[in-house]
Amino acid sequence: MWYISTRGMAPRVNFEGALFSGYAPDGGLYIPEELPQLDRETLCHWSTLSYPSLVKELCALFIGPELIPRDDLSGLIDQAFSRFHHKEVVHLCRLKNGLNVLELWHGVTYAFKDLSLSCTAQFLQYFLQKRKRHVTIVVGTAGDTGSAAIESVQGAKNMDIIVLLPKGRCSKIQELQMTTVLKDNVHVFGVEGNSDELDEPIKAVFADVAFVQKHNLMSLNSINWSRVLVQMAHHFFAYFQCAPSLDTHPLPPVEIVVPTGAGGNVAAGCIAQKMGLPILLTVAVNHNDIIHRTVQWGDFSVSETVKPTLASAMDIQVPYNMERIFWLVSGFNNQVTRALMEQFERNQSLHLPKELHNKLVEAVTSQSVSDEAITQTMGRCWEENQYLLCPHSATAVSCHYQQTDSGQSSVPRCCLAPASAAKFPEAILAAGLTPQTPTEILALEHKETRCTPMQRGEDWIQMLRDTIEGLSQRRKGHAVNPSE
């Protein structure tokens, strides 16, 4: 399996190349050169599989046995999921009035990013040990990515991780999950800005190709293909759990409602669609609604400000995985994708050509959900089911309630739940409900924290470069044993 850039100007790479790269050299994102087509027989076989087994099947298709033999792959994925709180890894809750909630948050940090990042970290470790290499991972986070990335690589000998978090803009628990990890290879910065602003120094550092190569830098944000690959499994699992029967011709559709910020989970769903999975995708966003405006009116343009909302992990202006989606709906056309993205980068604004917009609307529908609707949805779900939703999951369930209340409920629907309500006590209280917090989350309050401030007026790019250079110097000073 080979990977090419969405912009078509970079050499193709294998899975290992895509895993370690982040952005392609031409500024595009890596995407498979061809998408395997799944016949009915394969889908029927996959419908009997557990979630971890589905991940193994998908990864085997997109990685290839010459890079990771099947037995090794199976072991890596078992290891990735070994610390999850639920024996099924992900779990479908069937609630009243046709509400299906797929809980993707049973990992250590109680967020869906544990699923893809735990696997990605295992793949990285596998290749690094084989090649006797070290990498420095640089991550910008709106909340959950940072804690899941830290959790997946903390203590690893051949990886350092630097995380930039928006100080005071993620929930207190999210922040504590990052700042209480005191392992030597974990370096956390609290940035006085929002998640788009903290992406700027990271982009600037990655734009210096010589610097990136010298220090073996990589990112684990959702531009990383490995994360999108693992997230495809949610869509297959949701479909098999919610489809009424696979005996009909054609196979019955299932609607999947995807709360999203940077669009990685939606890109994964669009790829699953293209491979032959009969799903209808609905994108749920909060007040920061660039994806919704793109789907509704073809308006892919940045707003003047990011408005903080209860669903803080989705407070994003630039959903970079839309580039993969444009590539998919344009019929894998890299020239079209490159022209669109270059225009967007120049103007921070883009109006989709009519034909492309029509194709996008065939692939996905969308809803923008206000904070008021989020709290109402959380209250209603508790009243009807005694079930607590996190604010991000509530954006999806709000779409479900809108559909059922208006009688537009012809196909089974599955709402993806990206995080546990336990991580968002502030939002639970805002909805007039009582938080239920697990003991390990309560324990964070009493742990020592470590976080370096990045204040307005300081040169964030230079601070980041200095940190990276310092880590490289430290490693040289330690004269690391090559077998590590």
Protein backbone atom coordinates (compact mmCIF):
# COMPACT_ATOMS: atom_id res chain seq x y z
CA MET A 1 0.00 0.00 0.00
CA TRP A 2 1.43 3.35 -1.10
CA TYR A 3 0.54 6.84 0.09
CA ILE A 4 0.45 9.99 -2.00
CA SER A 5 -0.09 13.64 -1.11
CA THR A 6 -3.52 15.19 -1.58
CA ARG A 7 -1.66 17.91 -3.57
CA GLY A 8 0.12 15.48 -5.91
CA MET A 9 3.58 17.10 -5.84
CA ALA A 10 5.39 14.82 -3.35
CA PRO A 11 6.99 11.39 -3.88
CA ARG A 12 4.84 8.47 -2.75
CA VAL A 13 5.74 6.76 0.53
CA ASN A 14 4.82 3.54 2.33
CA PHE A 15 2.92 3.40 5.64
CA GLU A 16 6.09 3.94 7.66
CA GLY A 17 6.89 7.07 5.62
CA ALA A 18 3.37 8.45 6.12
CA LEU A 19 3.42 7.58 9.85
CA PHE A 20 6.57 9.62 10.52
CA SER A 21 5.80 12.52 8.19
CA GLY A 22 2.72 14.48 9.22
CA TYR A 23 2.43 16.92 6.29
CA ALA A 24 3.78 15.81 2.91
CA PRO A 25 6.70 17.94 1.53
CA ASP A 26 4.29 19.80 -0.81
CA GLY A 27 2.11 20.87 2.14
CA GLY A 28 -0.58 18.26 1.44
CA LEU A 29 -1.78 15.35 3.59
CA TYR A 30 -0.98 11.71 2.95
CA ILE A 31 -3.79 9.54 1.64
CA PRO A 32 -3.78 5.97 0.25
CA GLU A 33 -2.99 5.80 -3.46
CA GLU A 34 -5.93 3.45 -3.88
CA LEU A 35 -8.81 2.49 -1.61
CA PRO A 36 -9.60 -1.23 -1.28
CA GLN A 37 -13.18 -2.04 -2.27
CA LEU A 38 -14.98 -4.28 0.23
CA ASP A 39 -17.48 -6.74 -1.17
CA ARG A 40 -20.61 -7.95 0.60
CA GLU A 41 -18.90 -11.17 1.71
CA THR A 42 -16.07 -9.26 3.45
CA LEU A 43 -18.53 -6.89 5.16
CA CYS A 44 -20.64 -9.84 6.37
CA HIS A 45 -17.49 -11.51 7.78
CA TRP A 46 -16.34 -8.27 9.43
CA SER A 47 -19.79 -7.82 11.02
CA THR A 48 -19.00 -10.76 13.34
CA LEU A 49 -15.73 -9.27 14.59
CA SER A 50 -14.92 -7.51 17.86
CA TYR A 51 -13.73 -3.90 17.73
CA PRO A 52 -10.01 -4.80 18.20
CA SER A 53 -10.32 -7.44 15.45
CA LEU A 54 -11.83 -4.84 13.10
CA VAL A 55 -8.90 -2.52 13.80
CA LYS A 56 -6.53 -5.40 12.93
CA GLU A 57 -8.31 -6.09 9.62
CA LEU A 58 -8.27 -2.43 8.58
CA CYS A 59 -4.64 -1.91 9.61
CA ALA A 60 -3.59 -5.08 7.75
CA LEU A 61 -5.19 -3.68 4.57
CA PHE A 62 -3.45 -0.30 4.84
CA ILE A 63 -0.04 -1.21 6.28
CA GLY A 64 0.96 -4.42 4.50
CA PRO A 65 2.65 -7.56 5.92
CA GLU A 66 6.06 -6.65 4.47
CA LEU A 67 6.20 -3.69 6.90
CA ILE A 68 4.48 -5.22 9.94
CA PRO A 69 3.85 -8.98 9.72
CA ARG A 70 0.31 -9.98 10.70
CA ASP A 71 1.30 -11.60 14.03
CA ASP A 72 3.34 -8.55 15.04
CA LEU A 73 0.46 -6.26 14.06
CA SER A 74 -1.99 -8.26 16.15
CA GLY A 75 0.33 -8.06 19.16
CA LEU A 76 0.81 -4.30 18.79
CA ILE A 77 -2.95 -3.65 18.67
CA ASP A 78 -3.61 -5.94 21.66
CA GLN A 79 -0.93 -4.03 23.56
CA ALA A 80 -2.45 -0.68 22.51
CA PHE A 81 -5.83 -1.61 23.96
CA SER A 82 -4.52 -3.45 27.04
CA ARG A 83 -5.16 -0.56 29.46
CA PHE A 84 -8.71 0.28 28.34
CA HIS A 85 -11.40 0.29 31.03
CA HIS A 86 -13.98 -1.73 29.03
CA LYS A 87 -13.47 -5.30 27.84
CA GLU A 88 -15.03 -4.47 24.44
CA VAL A 89 -12.73 -1.38 24.12
CA VAL A 90 -15.66 0.57 22.62
CA HIS A 91 -19.24 0.00 23.73
CA LEU A 92 -22.65 0.73 22.18
CA CYS A 93 -25.32 2.03 24.58
CA ARG A 94 -28.86 1.52 23.28
CA LEU A 95 -31.03 4.19 24.90
CA LYS A 96 -34.70 5.17 24.58
CA ASN A 97 -36.39 6.22 21.34
CA GLY A 98 -33.80 4.81 18.96
CA LEU A 99 -30.86 6.69 20.50
CA ASN A 100 -27.65 4.69 19.99
CA VAL A 101 -24.50 6.12 21.60
CA LEU A 102 -21.16 4.55 20.68
CA GLU A 103 -18.84 5.16 23.63
CA LEU A 104 -15.34 5.72 22.24
CA TRP A 105 -13.90 6.93 25.56
CA HIS A 106 -12.92 3.87 27.58
CA GLY A 107 -9.17 4.57 27.32
CA VAL A 108 -6.94 5.89 30.08
CA THR A 109 -7.69 9.60 29.41
CA TYR A 110 -11.44 9.02 28.85
CA ALA A 111 -11.42 10.35 25.26
CA PHE A 112 -11.71 8.74 21.81
CA LYS A 113 -8.19 9.87 20.91
CA ASP A 114 -6.85 7.11 23.16
CA LEU A 115 -8.05 4.63 20.49
CA SER A 116 -6.00 5.95 17.59
CA LEU A 117 -3.05 7.33 19.56
CA SER A 118 -2.43 4.14 21.55
CA CYS A 119 -2.17 2.22 18.24
CA THR A 120 -0.09 4.95 16.58
CA ALA A 121 2.37 4.97 19.49
CA GLN A 122 2.77 1.19 19.17
CA PHE A 123 3.49 1.51 15.43
CA LEU A 124 6.03 4.28 16.09
CA GLN A 125 7.75 2.25 18.80
CA TYR A 126 7.89 -0.80 16.50
CA PHE A 127 9.69 1.06 13.71
CA LEU A 128 11.94 3.13 16.03
CA GLN A 129 13.23 0.02 17.78
CA LYS A 130 13.78 -1.69 14.45
CA ARG A 131 15.64 1.31 12.97
CA LYS A 132 17.38 2.29 16.28
CA ARG A 133 16.04 5.85 15.94
CA HIS A 134 14.63 8.55 18.22
CA VAL A 135 11.90 11.12 17.43
CA THR A 136 10.65 14.29 19.08
CA ILE A 137 6.88 14.59 18.79
CA VAL A 138 5.39 18.10 18.78
CA VAL A 139 1.64 18.39 19.41
CA GLY A 140 -0.75 21.33 19.64
CA THR A 141 -3.96 20.47 21.48
CA ALA A 142 -7.40 21.93 22.10
CA GLY A 143 -7.75 19.47 24.99
CA ASP A 144 -7.92 15.73 24.40
CA THR A 145 -5.17 15.13 21.83
CA GLY A 146 -2.42 16.28 24.18
CA SER A 147 -3.38 14.07 27.10
CA ALA A 148 -3.94 11.00 24.89
CA ALA A 149 -0.61 11.57 23.08
CA ILE A 150 1.24 12.00 26.40
CA GLU A 151 -0.39 8.88 27.80
CA SER A 152 0.53 6.81 24.74
CA VAL A 153 4.27 7.69 24.73
CA GLN A 154 5.14 8.67 28.32
CA GLY A 155 8.29 6.92 29.54
CA ALA A 156 9.27 5.68 26.04
CA LYS A 157 13.05 5.70 25.61
CA ASN A 158 13.05 6.58 21.94
CA MET A 159 10.43 9.37 21.95
CA ASP A 160 10.24 12.83 23.52
CA ILE A 161 6.94 14.67 23.39
CA ILE A 162 6.35 18.45 23.51
CA VAL A 163 2.72 19.54 23.99
CA LEU A 164 1.36 23.08 23.61
CA LEU A 165 -2.00 23.55 25.37
CA PRO A 166 -4.22 26.68 25.42
CA LYS A 167 -3.91 27.80 29.06
CA GLY A 168 -7.34 28.23 30.68
CA ARG A 169 -9.19 27.21 27.51
CA CYS A 170 -9.45 23.47 28.00
CA SER A 171 -11.25 21.92 30.96
CA LYS A 172 -9.40 21.74 34.28
CA ILE A 173 -9.31 17.94 34.09
CA GLN A 174 -7.90 17.97 30.54
CA GLU A 175 -5.17 20.35 31.68
CA LEU A 176 -4.34 18.25 34.76
CA GLN A 177 -4.12 15.08 32.66
CA MET A 178 -1.28 16.77 30.76
CA THR A 179 0.50 18.75 33.47
CA THR A 180 0.62 15.96 36.09
CA VAL A 181 2.71 13.60 33.92
CA LEU A 182 6.26 14.18 35.20
CA LYS A 183 8.13 11.64 33.06
CA ASP A 184 11.47 12.86 31.66
CA ASN A 185 10.30 12.56 28.05
CA VAL A 186 7.17 14.75 28.52
CA HIS A 187 7.39 18.56 28.09
CA VAL A 188 4.21 20.66 28.45
CA PHE A 189 3.76 24.36 27.60
CA GLY A 190 0.75 26.47 28.63
CA VAL A 191 0.16 28.99 25.83
CA GLU A 192 -1.63 32.30 26.41
CA GLY A 193 -3.80 31.89 23.32
CA ASN A 194 -6.38 29.66 21.62
CA SER A 195 -5.69 26.34 19.89
CA ASP A 196 -5.37 27.94 16.43
CA GLU A 197 -2.84 30.49 17.77
CA LEU A 198 -0.70 27.80 19.36
CA ASP A 199 -0.63 25.93 16.05
CA GLU A 200 1.26 28.88 14.48
CA PRO A 201 4.68 28.27 16.15
CA ILE A 202 4.32 24.54 15.46
CA LYS A 203 3.63 25.20 11.75
CA ALA A 204 6.58 27.61 11.62
CA VAL A 205 8.96 25.04 13.12
CA PHE A 206 7.73 22.28 10.77
CA ALA A 207 8.14 24.61 7.78
CA ASP A 208 11.92 24.55 8.42
CA VAL A 209 12.62 21.23 6.68
CA ALA A 210 16.33 21.13 7.61
CA PHE A 211 15.47 21.70 11.29
CA VAL A 212 12.78 18.99 11.19
CA GLN A 213 15.21 16.47 9.68
CA LYS A 214 18.08 17.39 11.99
CA HIS A 215 15.97 16.83 15.11
CA ASN A 216 13.73 13.99 13.81
CA LEU A 217 10.53 15.97 14.48
CA MET A 218 7.04 14.64 13.89
CA SER A 219 3.46 15.48 14.88
CA LEU A 220 0.64 13.33 16.22
CA ASN A 221 -2.19 15.74 15.36
CA SER A 222 -5.01 14.35 13.25
CA ILE A 223 -3.08 15.19 10.08
CA ASN A 224 -1.26 11.91 10.85
CA TRP A 225 -2.61 9.19 8.56
CA SER A 226 -2.30 6.49 11.23
CA ARG A 227 -4.89 8.24 13.38
CA VAL A 228 -7.40 8.49 10.53
CA LEU A 229 -6.81 4.81 9.71
CA VAL A 230 -7.64 3.59 13.23
CA GLN A 231 -10.66 5.91 13.41
CA MET A 232 -12.16 4.19 10.37
CA ALA A 233 -12.89 1.23 12.67
CA HIS A 234 -15.51 3.26 14.65
CA HIS A 235 -17.57 3.66 11.50
CA PHE A 236 -17.49 -0.03 10.61
CA PHE A 237 -18.25 -1.07 14.18
CA ALA A 238 -21.10 1.47 14.48
CA TYR A 239 -22.56 0.22 11.20
CA PHE A 240 -22.45 -3.45 12.18
CA GLN A 241 -23.93 -2.74 15.63
CA CYS A 242 -26.82 -0.67 14.27
CA ALA A 243 -27.70 -2.17 10.85
CA PRO A 244 -30.98 -4.10 11.15
CA SER A 245 -29.79 -7.04 9.01
CA LEU A 246 -27.15 -7.70 6.37
CA ASP A 247 -29.44 -10.10 4.47
CA THR A 248 -31.07 -7.42 2.34
CA HIS A 249 -29.98 -6.24 -1.14
CA PRO A 250 -28.58 -3.64 -1.20
CA LEU A 251 -27.19 -3.51 2.32
CA PRO A 252 -29.26 -1.19 4.56
CA PRO A 253 -27.90 2.32 5.32
CA VAL A 254 -27.04 3.55 8.83
CA GLU A 255 -26.58 7.22 9.70
CA ILE A 256 -23.52 8.05 11.81
CA VAL A 257 -23.46 11.41 13.59
CA VAL A 258 -19.88 12.57 14.08
CA PRO A 259 -19.00 15.42 16.46
CA THR A 260 -15.85 16.97 15.04
CA GLY A 261 -13.27 19.72 15.33
CA ALA A 262 -10.35 19.12 12.96
CA GLY A 263 -12.34 16.67 10.82
CA GLY A 264 -10.24 13.52 11.24
CA ASN A 265 -13.19 11.39 12.30
CA VAL A 266 -15.27 12.62 9.36
CA ALA A 267 -12.42 11.97 6.90
CA ALA A 268 -12.27 8.41 8.29
CA GLY A 269 -16.02 8.02 7.69
CA CYS A 270 -15.76 9.37 4.13
CA ILE A 271 -13.01 6.83 3.36
CA ALA A 272 -15.14 4.01 4.81
CA GLN A 273 -18.00 5.19 2.54
CA LYS A 274 -15.71 5.13 -0.50
CA MET A 275 -14.65 1.57 0.41
CA GLY A 276 -18.27 0.45 0.20
CA LEU A 277 -19.67 0.85 3.73
CA PRO A 278 -23.29 2.07 3.31
CA ILE A 279 -23.22 4.86 5.89
CA LEU A 280 -24.77 8.33 5.81
CA LEU A 281 -22.58 10.86 7.62
CA THR A 282 -23.85 13.83 9.63
CA VAL A 283 -21.24 16.24 10.98
CA ALA A 284 -22.06 17.89 14.31
CA VAL A 285 -20.12 21.05 15.22
CA ASN A 286 -20.51 23.74 17.86
CA HIS A 287 -20.72 27.52 17.31
CA ASN A 288 -17.31 27.37 15.53
CA ASP A 289 -18.97 26.15 12.39
CA ILE A 290 -16.58 26.27 9.42
CA ILE A 291 -17.37 22.64 8.45
CA HIS A 292 -21.12 23.29 8.70
CA ARG A 293 -20.84 26.43 6.52
CA THR A 294 -18.77 24.46 4.00
CA VAL A 295 -21.38 21.67 3.77
CA GLN A 296 -24.39 24.00 3.73
CA TRP A 297 -23.18 26.81 1.46
CA GLY A 298 -19.72 25.85 0.15
CA ASP A 299 -18.23 28.61 2.35
CA PHE A 300 -14.84 27.32 3.62
CA SER A 301 -13.64 30.50 5.31
CA VAL A 302 -12.15 31.36 8.68
CA SER A 303 -14.31 33.37 11.13
CA GLU A 304 -12.93 36.50 12.75
CA THR A 305 -12.59 34.78 16.14
CA VAL A 306 -12.83 31.37 17.77
CA LYS A 307 -15.70 31.55 20.25
CA PRO A 308 -15.11 29.47 23.42
CA THR A 309 -17.95 26.92 23.87
CA LEU A 310 -18.90 24.12 26.26
CA ALA A 311 -17.59 21.64 23.64
CA SER A 312 -14.08 23.08 23.94
CA ALA A 313 -12.19 20.39 21.98
CA MET A 314 -14.17 21.46 18.89
CA ASP A 315 -13.28 25.17 19.21
CA ILE A 316 -11.33 25.13 15.96
CA GLN A 317 -11.20 27.48 12.97
CA VAL A 318 -9.11 25.46 10.52
CA PRO A 319 -10.21 21.81 10.24
CA TYR A 320 -7.21 20.53 8.31
CA ASN A 321 -8.72 17.14 7.46
CA MET A 322 -11.19 18.89 5.13
CA GLU A 323 -8.31 18.70 2.65
CA ARG A 324 -8.58 14.90 2.64
CA ILE A 325 -12.35 15.18 2.23
CA PHE A 326 -12.01 17.61 -0.71
CA TRP A 327 -9.59 15.13 -2.31
CA LEU A 328 -12.06 12.24 -1.82
CA VAL A 329 -15.13 14.08 -3.12
CA SER A 330 -13.24 15.60 -6.08
CA GLY A 331 -12.66 12.04 -7.35
CA PHE A 332 -9.05 11.85 -5.98
CA ASN A 333 -8.07 14.93 -7.98
CA ASN A 334 -4.85 16.39 -6.58
CA GLN A 335 -4.76 19.36 -8.95
CA VAL A 336 -8.20 20.52 -7.82
CA THR A 337 -7.29 19.91 -4.16
CA ARG A 338 -3.99 21.77 -4.45
CA ALA A 339 -5.62 24.80 -6.12
CA LEU A 340 -8.35 24.94 -3.45
CA MET A 341 -5.97 24.65 -0.50
CA GLU A 342 -3.46 27.15 -1.89
CA GLN A 343 -6.28 29.64 -2.36
CA PHE A 344 -7.47 28.98 1.20
CA GLU A 345 -3.94 29.45 2.58
CA ARG A 346 -3.58 32.74 0.71
CA ASN A 347 -6.97 34.24 1.59
CA GLN A 348 -8.18 32.25 4.63
CA SER A 349 -11.32 31.95 2.55
CA LEU A 350 -12.62 29.76 -0.24
CA HIS A 351 -15.91 29.23 -2.01
CA LEU A 352 -16.24 25.67 -3.28
CA PRO A 353 -16.98 25.20 -7.00
CA LYS A 354 -20.63 24.13 -7.46
CA GLU A 355 -19.83 20.63 -8.71
CA LEU A 356 -17.49 19.91 -5.79
CA HIS A 357 -19.99 21.32 -3.29
CA ASN A 358 -22.69 19.03 -4.71
CA LYS A 359 -20.38 16.02 -4.26
CA LEU A 360 -19.64 17.07 -0.66
CA VAL A 361 -23.37 17.30 0.09
CA GLU A 362 -23.82 13.75 -1.29
CA ALA A 363 -21.18 12.52 1.17
CA VAL A 364 -22.17 14.42 4.35
CA THR A 365 -24.83 16.58 5.96
CA SER A 366 -24.19 18.86 8.93
CA GLN A 367 -25.58 20.69 11.95
CA SER A 368 -24.21 23.51 14.11
CA VAL A 369 -25.25 23.17 17.76
CA SER A 370 -25.35 26.10 20.23
CA ASP A 371 -24.26 25.91 23.87
CA GLU A 372 -27.93 26.24 24.83
CA ALA A 373 -28.84 23.22 22.68
CA ILE A 374 -25.89 21.30 24.19
CA THR A 375 -27.09 21.83 27.78
CA GLN A 376 -30.73 21.11 26.81
CA THR A 377 -29.63 17.85 25.15
CA MET A 378 -27.58 16.82 28.18
CA GLY A 379 -30.60 17.52 30.42
CA ARG A 380 -33.04 15.63 28.19
CA CYS A 381 -30.76 12.60 27.82
CA TRP A 382 -30.37 12.42 31.60
CA GLU A 383 -34.13 12.81 32.15
CA GLU A 384 -35.05 10.10 29.63
CA ASN A 385 -32.20 7.64 30.26
CA GLN A 386 -30.29 8.63 33.43
CA TYR A 387 -27.31 8.83 31.07
CA LEU A 388 -24.73 11.63 31.25
CA LEU A 389 -23.37 12.98 27.95
CA CYS A 390 -20.22 15.03 27.58
CA PRO A 391 -20.84 18.33 25.71
CA HIS A 392 -19.17 17.00 22.53
CA SER A 393 -21.33 13.86 22.51
CA ALA A 394 -24.32 16.14 23.14
CA THR A 395 -23.76 17.92 19.80
CA ALA A 396 -24.35 14.56 18.08
CA VAL A 397 -27.32 13.60 20.25
CA SER A 398 -28.85 17.05 19.64
CA CYS A 399 -28.89 16.20 15.90
CA HIS A 400 -30.62 12.90 16.75
CA TYR A 401 -33.30 14.68 18.81
CA GLN A 402 -33.89 17.23 16.03
CA GLN A 403 -34.45 14.40 13.55
CA THR A 404 -36.72 12.29 15.79
CA ASP A 405 -38.76 15.30 17.00
CA SER A 406 -39.47 16.31 13.40
CA GLY A 407 -40.32 12.73 12.40
CA GLN A 408 -37.36 12.40 10.01
CA SER A 409 -36.14 9.10 11.39
CA SER A 410 -36.29 6.54 8.65
CA VAL A 411 -32.84 4.91 9.08
CA PRO A 412 -31.07 3.64 12.20
CA ARG A 413 -28.71 6.25 13.63
CA CYS A 414 -25.57 6.01 15.75
CA CYS A 415 -24.16 9.00 17.65
CA LEU A 416 -20.41 8.85 18.29
CA ALA A 417 -19.49 9.83 21.88
CA PRO A 418 -15.91 11.12 21.79
CA ALA A 419 -15.38 11.73 25.51
CA SER A 420 -16.70 10.76 28.92
CA ALA A 421 -18.91 13.24 30.75
CA ALA A 422 -16.52 12.78 33.69
CA LYS A 423 -13.98 15.06 31.94
CA PHE A 424 -16.38 18.02 31.78
CA PRO A 425 -17.85 18.69 35.24
CA GLU A 426 -18.17 22.42 34.38
CA ALA A 427 -20.48 21.60 31.43
CA ILE A 428 -22.45 19.05 33.50
CA LEU A 429 -23.08 21.74 36.15
CA ALA A 430 -24.03 24.24 33.40
CA ALA A 431 -26.69 21.75 32.31
CA GLY A 432 -28.05 21.65 35.89
CA LEU A 433 -26.84 18.07 36.43
CA THR A 434 -24.56 16.40 38.97
CA PRO A 435 -21.08 15.34 37.79
CA GLN A 436 -20.01 11.73 38.42
CA THR A 437 -16.23 11.70 38.63
CA PRO A 438 -14.11 8.50 38.75
CA THR A 439 -11.56 8.30 41.58
CA GLU A 440 -8.53 8.41 39.25
CA ILE A 441 -9.74 11.73 37.83
CA LEU A 442 -10.42 13.14 41.33
CA ALA A 443 -6.86 12.10 42.29
CA LEU A 444 -5.40 14.46 39.64
CA GLU A 445 -6.25 17.45 41.87
CA HIS A 446 -3.64 16.33 44.43
CA LYS A 447 -0.77 15.57 42.06
CA GLU A 448 2.27 17.72 41.41
CA THR A 449 2.11 19.63 38.10
CA ARG A 450 4.72 20.80 35.62
CA CYS A 451 4.00 23.29 32.83
CA THR A 452 6.14 26.01 31.21
CA PRO A 453 4.23 29.22 30.40
CA MET A 454 4.31 30.75 26.89
CA GLN A 455 3.09 34.30 27.39
CA ARG A 456 1.87 36.87 24.88
CA GLY A 457 4.74 39.01 23.65
CA GLU A 458 7.26 36.17 23.94
CA ASP A 459 8.77 34.58 20.83
CA TRP A 460 6.93 31.25 20.87
CA ILE A 461 8.70 29.97 17.76
CA GLN A 462 12.12 30.57 19.33
CA MET A 463 11.02 29.00 22.63
CA LEU A 464 9.90 25.88 20.78
CA ARG A 465 13.11 25.68 18.72
CA ASP A 466 15.24 26.15 21.86
CA THR A 467 13.38 23.34 23.65
CA ILE A 468 13.86 20.96 20.71
CA GLU A 469 17.57 21.81 20.44
CA GLY A 470 17.97 21.35 24.19
CA LEU A 471 16.47 17.84 23.99
CA SER A 472 18.86 16.90 21.17
CA GLN A 473 21.83 18.22 23.20
CA ARG A 474 20.68 16.28 26.25
CA ARG A 475 20.48 13.05 24.26
CA LYS A 476 23.98 13.57 22.87
CA GLY A 477 25.22 14.23 26.40
CA HIS A 478 23.72 10.95 27.58
CA ALA A 479 25.51 8.98 24.82
CA VAL A 480 22.44 6.80 24.42
CA ASN A 481 22.99 3.10 23.95
CA PRO A 482 22.01 2.44 20.28
CA SER A 483 19.84 -0.54 21.30
CA GLU A 484 17.56 1.90 23.11
